[in-house]
Amino acid sequence: MLVPDPKVVRGLLTRYASLRIALAEGGRPATERELEDVRYTLCVTMGTRNIQEAIEAADALLAAGRGRANT
């Protein structure tokens, strides 16, 4: 199985969070479309079918990377 680059995953998570905030603050329709694109990309990158699973998998990947860095 291929393992995604943690830098890419971190960037996707950051973008997802930023877009969720922008949408909550009254984002434009373009913001919703971009959020959908990031959701899709994050799910594909993490090999999941929904955003919650993708976030959990991304968090686990990043946590594992921190564990290796501390060893």
N, C-alpha and C. Protein backbone atom coordinates (compact mmCIF):
# COMPACT_ATOMS: atom_id res chain seq x y z
N MET A 1 0.83 -1.18 0.00
CA MET A 1 0.00 0.00 0.00
C MET A 1 0.88 1.24 0.00
N LEU A 2 0.50 2.22 -0.79
CA LEU A 2 1.23 3.48 -0.83
C LEU A 2 0.88 4.33 0.39
N VAL A 3 1.88 5.00 0.92
CA VAL A 3 1.67 5.88 2.06
C VAL A 3 1.78 7.32 1.57
N PRO A 4 0.76 8.13 1.81
CA PRO A 4 0.80 9.52 1.35
C PRO A 4 1.89 10.32 2.05
N ASP A 5 2.37 11.31 1.37
CA ASP A 5 3.37 12.22 1.93
C ASP A 5 2.72 13.02 3.06
N PRO A 6 3.28 12.95 4.27
CA PRO A 6 2.70 13.68 5.40
C PRO A 6 2.56 15.18 5.15
N LYS A 7 3.46 15.77 4.39
CA LYS A 7 3.36 17.20 4.09
C LYS A 7 2.10 17.50 3.28
N VAL A 8 1.80 16.63 2.33
CA VAL A 8 0.61 16.80 1.50
C VAL A 8 -0.64 16.64 2.36
N VAL A 9 -0.63 15.61 3.20
CA VAL A 9 -1.78 15.36 4.08
C VAL A 9 -2.00 16.53 5.03
N ARG A 10 -0.93 17.02 5.62
CA ARG A 10 -1.04 18.17 6.53
C ARG A 10 -1.62 19.38 5.80
N GLY A 11 -1.17 19.61 4.58
CA GLY A 11 -1.69 20.72 3.77
C GLY A 11 -3.18 20.56 3.47
N LEU A 12 -3.60 19.34 3.15
CA LEU A 12 -5.01 19.10 2.88
C LEU A 12 -5.86 19.32 4.13
N LEU A 13 -5.39 18.84 5.28
CA LEU A 13 -6.12 19.05 6.52
C LEU A 13 -6.24 20.53 6.86
N THR A 14 -5.16 21.25 6.66
CA THR A 14 -5.17 22.69 6.93
C THR A 14 -6.15 23.40 6.01
N ARG A 15 -6.11 23.04 4.74
CA ARG A 15 -7.02 23.68 3.77
C ARG A 15 -8.47 23.33 4.08
N TYR A 16 -8.72 22.09 4.45
CA TYR A 16 -10.07 21.66 4.81
C TYR A 16 -10.59 22.47 5.99
N ALA A 17 -9.79 22.60 7.03
CA ALA A 17 -10.20 23.37 8.21
C ALA A 17 -10.44 24.83 7.86
N SER A 18 -9.56 25.42 7.07
CA SER A 18 -9.71 26.83 6.68
C SER A 18 -10.99 27.06 5.88
N LEU A 19 -11.29 26.14 4.99
CA LEU A 19 -12.50 26.28 4.17
C LEU A 19 -13.76 26.07 5.01
N ARG A 20 -13.71 25.16 5.97
CA ARG A 20 -14.87 24.97 6.86
C ARG A 20 -15.14 26.24 7.64
N ILE A 21 -14.09 26.88 8.12
CA ILE A 21 -14.24 28.14 8.86
C ILE A 21 -14.80 29.22 7.94
N ALA A 22 -14.24 29.34 6.75
CA ALA A 22 -14.71 30.36 5.80
C ALA A 22 -16.18 30.14 5.46
N LEU A 23 -16.58 28.89 5.30
CA LEU A 23 -17.98 28.60 4.98
C LEU A 23 -18.89 28.94 6.16
N ALA A 24 -18.44 28.66 7.36
CA ALA A 24 -19.23 28.99 8.56
C ALA A 24 -19.39 30.49 8.72
N GLU A 25 -18.43 31.24 8.22
CA GLU A 25 -18.48 32.69 8.31
C GLU A 25 -19.21 33.32 7.12
N GLY A 26 -19.89 32.50 6.34
CA GLY A 26 -20.67 33.02 5.23
C GLY A 26 -19.93 32.97 3.91
N GLY A 27 -19.23 31.91 3.65
CA GLY A 27 -18.47 31.77 2.41
C GLY A 27 -19.34 31.78 1.17
N ARG A 28 -18.71 32.03 0.08
CA ARG A 28 -19.38 32.09 -1.22
C ARG A 28 -19.59 30.67 -1.78
N PRO A 29 -20.40 30.53 -2.84
CA PRO A 29 -20.58 29.21 -3.47
C PRO A 29 -19.24 28.60 -3.93
N ALA A 30 -18.31 29.44 -4.32
CA ALA A 30 -17.00 28.93 -4.74
C ALA A 30 -16.28 28.26 -3.57
N THR A 31 -16.53 28.76 -2.36
CA THR A 31 -15.92 28.17 -1.17
C THR A 31 -16.46 26.76 -0.97
N GLU A 32 -17.76 26.58 -1.16
CA GLU A 32 -18.37 25.24 -1.03
C GLU A 32 -17.81 24.28 -2.06
N ARG A 33 -17.63 24.75 -3.29
CA ARG A 33 -17.06 23.89 -4.33
C ARG A 33 -15.63 23.50 -4.00
N GLU A 34 -14.86 24.46 -3.52
CA GLU A 34 -13.48 24.16 -3.16
C GLU A 34 -13.42 23.19 -1.98
N LEU A 35 -14.32 23.36 -1.03
CA LEU A 35 -14.38 22.44 0.11
C LEU A 35 -14.70 21.03 -0.37
N GLU A 36 -15.63 20.89 -1.29
CA GLU A 36 -15.95 19.58 -1.85
C GLU A 36 -14.73 18.96 -2.53
N ASP A 37 -13.98 19.78 -3.26
CA ASP A 37 -12.76 19.28 -3.92
C ASP A 37 -11.74 18.79 -2.90
N VAL A 38 -11.56 19.54 -1.82
CA VAL A 38 -10.60 19.15 -0.80
C VAL A 38 -11.07 17.89 -0.08
N ARG A 39 -12.37 17.81 0.21
CA ARG A 39 -12.92 16.59 0.82
C ARG A 39 -12.62 15.38 -0.04
N TYR A 40 -12.93 15.49 -1.33
CA TYR A 40 -12.70 14.39 -2.26
C TYR A 40 -11.22 14.01 -2.30
N THR A 41 -10.36 15.00 -2.43
CA THR A 41 -8.92 14.74 -2.51
C THR A 41 -8.40 14.08 -1.23
N LEU A 42 -8.85 14.54 -0.10
CA LEU A 42 -8.43 13.96 1.17
C LEU A 42 -8.90 12.52 1.29
N CYS A 43 -10.12 12.24 0.89
CA CYS A 43 -10.62 10.86 0.93
C CYS A 43 -9.82 9.95 -0.01
N VAL A 44 -9.57 10.41 -1.22
CA VAL A 44 -8.79 9.60 -2.17
C VAL A 44 -7.37 9.40 -1.65
N THR A 45 -6.76 10.45 -1.15
CA THR A 45 -5.39 10.37 -0.65
C THR A 45 -5.27 9.37 0.49
N MET A 46 -6.28 9.35 1.37
CA MET A 46 -6.23 8.48 2.54
C MET A 46 -6.89 7.12 2.28
N GLY A 47 -7.46 6.93 1.10
CA GLY A 47 -8.07 5.64 0.76
C GLY A 47 -9.34 5.36 1.55
N THR A 48 -10.14 6.39 1.77
CA THR A 48 -11.38 6.24 2.54
C THR A 48 -12.56 6.68 1.70
N ARG A 49 -13.76 6.43 2.25
CA ARG A 49 -14.98 6.78 1.53
C ARG A 49 -15.71 7.98 2.10
N ASN A 50 -15.34 8.40 3.30
CA ASN A 50 -16.00 9.59 3.85
C ASN A 50 -14.98 10.45 4.59
N ILE A 51 -15.35 11.69 4.80
CA ILE A 51 -14.40 12.66 5.32
C ILE A 51 -13.98 12.35 6.75
N GLN A 52 -14.90 11.83 7.57
CA GLN A 52 -14.53 11.52 8.94
C GLN A 52 -13.44 10.44 8.99
N GLU A 53 -13.61 9.40 8.18
CA GLU A 53 -12.59 8.35 8.10
C GLU A 53 -11.27 8.91 7.57
N ALA A 54 -11.36 9.80 6.61
CA ALA A 54 -10.15 10.40 6.04
C ALA A 54 -9.40 11.22 7.08
N ILE A 55 -10.13 11.99 7.87
CA ILE A 55 -9.50 12.80 8.91
C ILE A 55 -8.84 11.90 9.96
N GLU A 56 -9.54 10.85 10.36
CA GLU A 56 -8.98 9.92 11.34
C GLU A 56 -7.72 9.25 10.81
N ALA A 57 -7.75 8.82 9.55
CA ALA A 57 -6.58 8.18 8.94
C ALA A 57 -5.43 9.18 8.82
N ALA A 58 -5.74 10.40 8.45
CA ALA A 58 -4.71 11.43 8.32
C ALA A 58 -4.08 11.73 9.68
N ASP A 59 -4.91 11.85 10.70
CA ASP A 59 -4.39 12.09 12.05
C ASP A 59 -3.47 10.95 12.49
N ALA A 60 -3.88 9.72 12.21
CA ALA A 60 -3.07 8.56 12.58
C ALA A 60 -1.74 8.56 11.83
N LEU A 61 -1.78 8.89 10.55
CA LEU A 61 -0.55 8.95 9.75
C LEU A 61 0.40 10.00 10.31
N LEU A 62 -0.12 11.16 10.61
CA LEU A 62 0.73 12.24 11.13
C LEU A 62 1.25 11.91 12.53
N ALA A 63 0.43 11.27 13.35
CA ALA A 63 0.88 10.88 14.69
C ALA A 63 1.98 9.83 14.60
N ALA A 64 1.84 8.89 13.68
CA ALA A 64 2.86 7.85 13.50
C ALA A 64 4.18 8.48 13.05
N GLY A 65 4.09 9.49 12.20
CA GLY A 65 5.29 10.18 11.73
C GLY A 65 5.99 10.92 12.85
N ARG A 66 5.22 11.49 13.74
CA ARG A 66 5.84 12.17 14.91
C ARG A 66 6.51 11.16 15.83
N GLY A 67 5.91 9.98 15.96
CA GLY A 67 6.49 8.94 16.79
C GLY A 67 7.82 8.47 16.25
N ARG A 68 7.92 8.33 14.93
CA ARG A 68 9.19 7.91 14.31
C ARG A 68 10.24 8.99 14.44
N ALA A 69 9.83 10.23 14.38
CA ALA A 69 10.79 11.35 14.47
C ALA A 69 11.38 11.44 15.86
N ASN A 70 10.63 11.01 16.86
CA ASN A 70 11.10 11.07 18.25
C ASN A 70 11.92 9.86 18.66
N THR A 71 12.07 8.88 17.78
CA THR A 71 12.78 7.67 18.13
C THR A 71 14.24 7.73 17.78
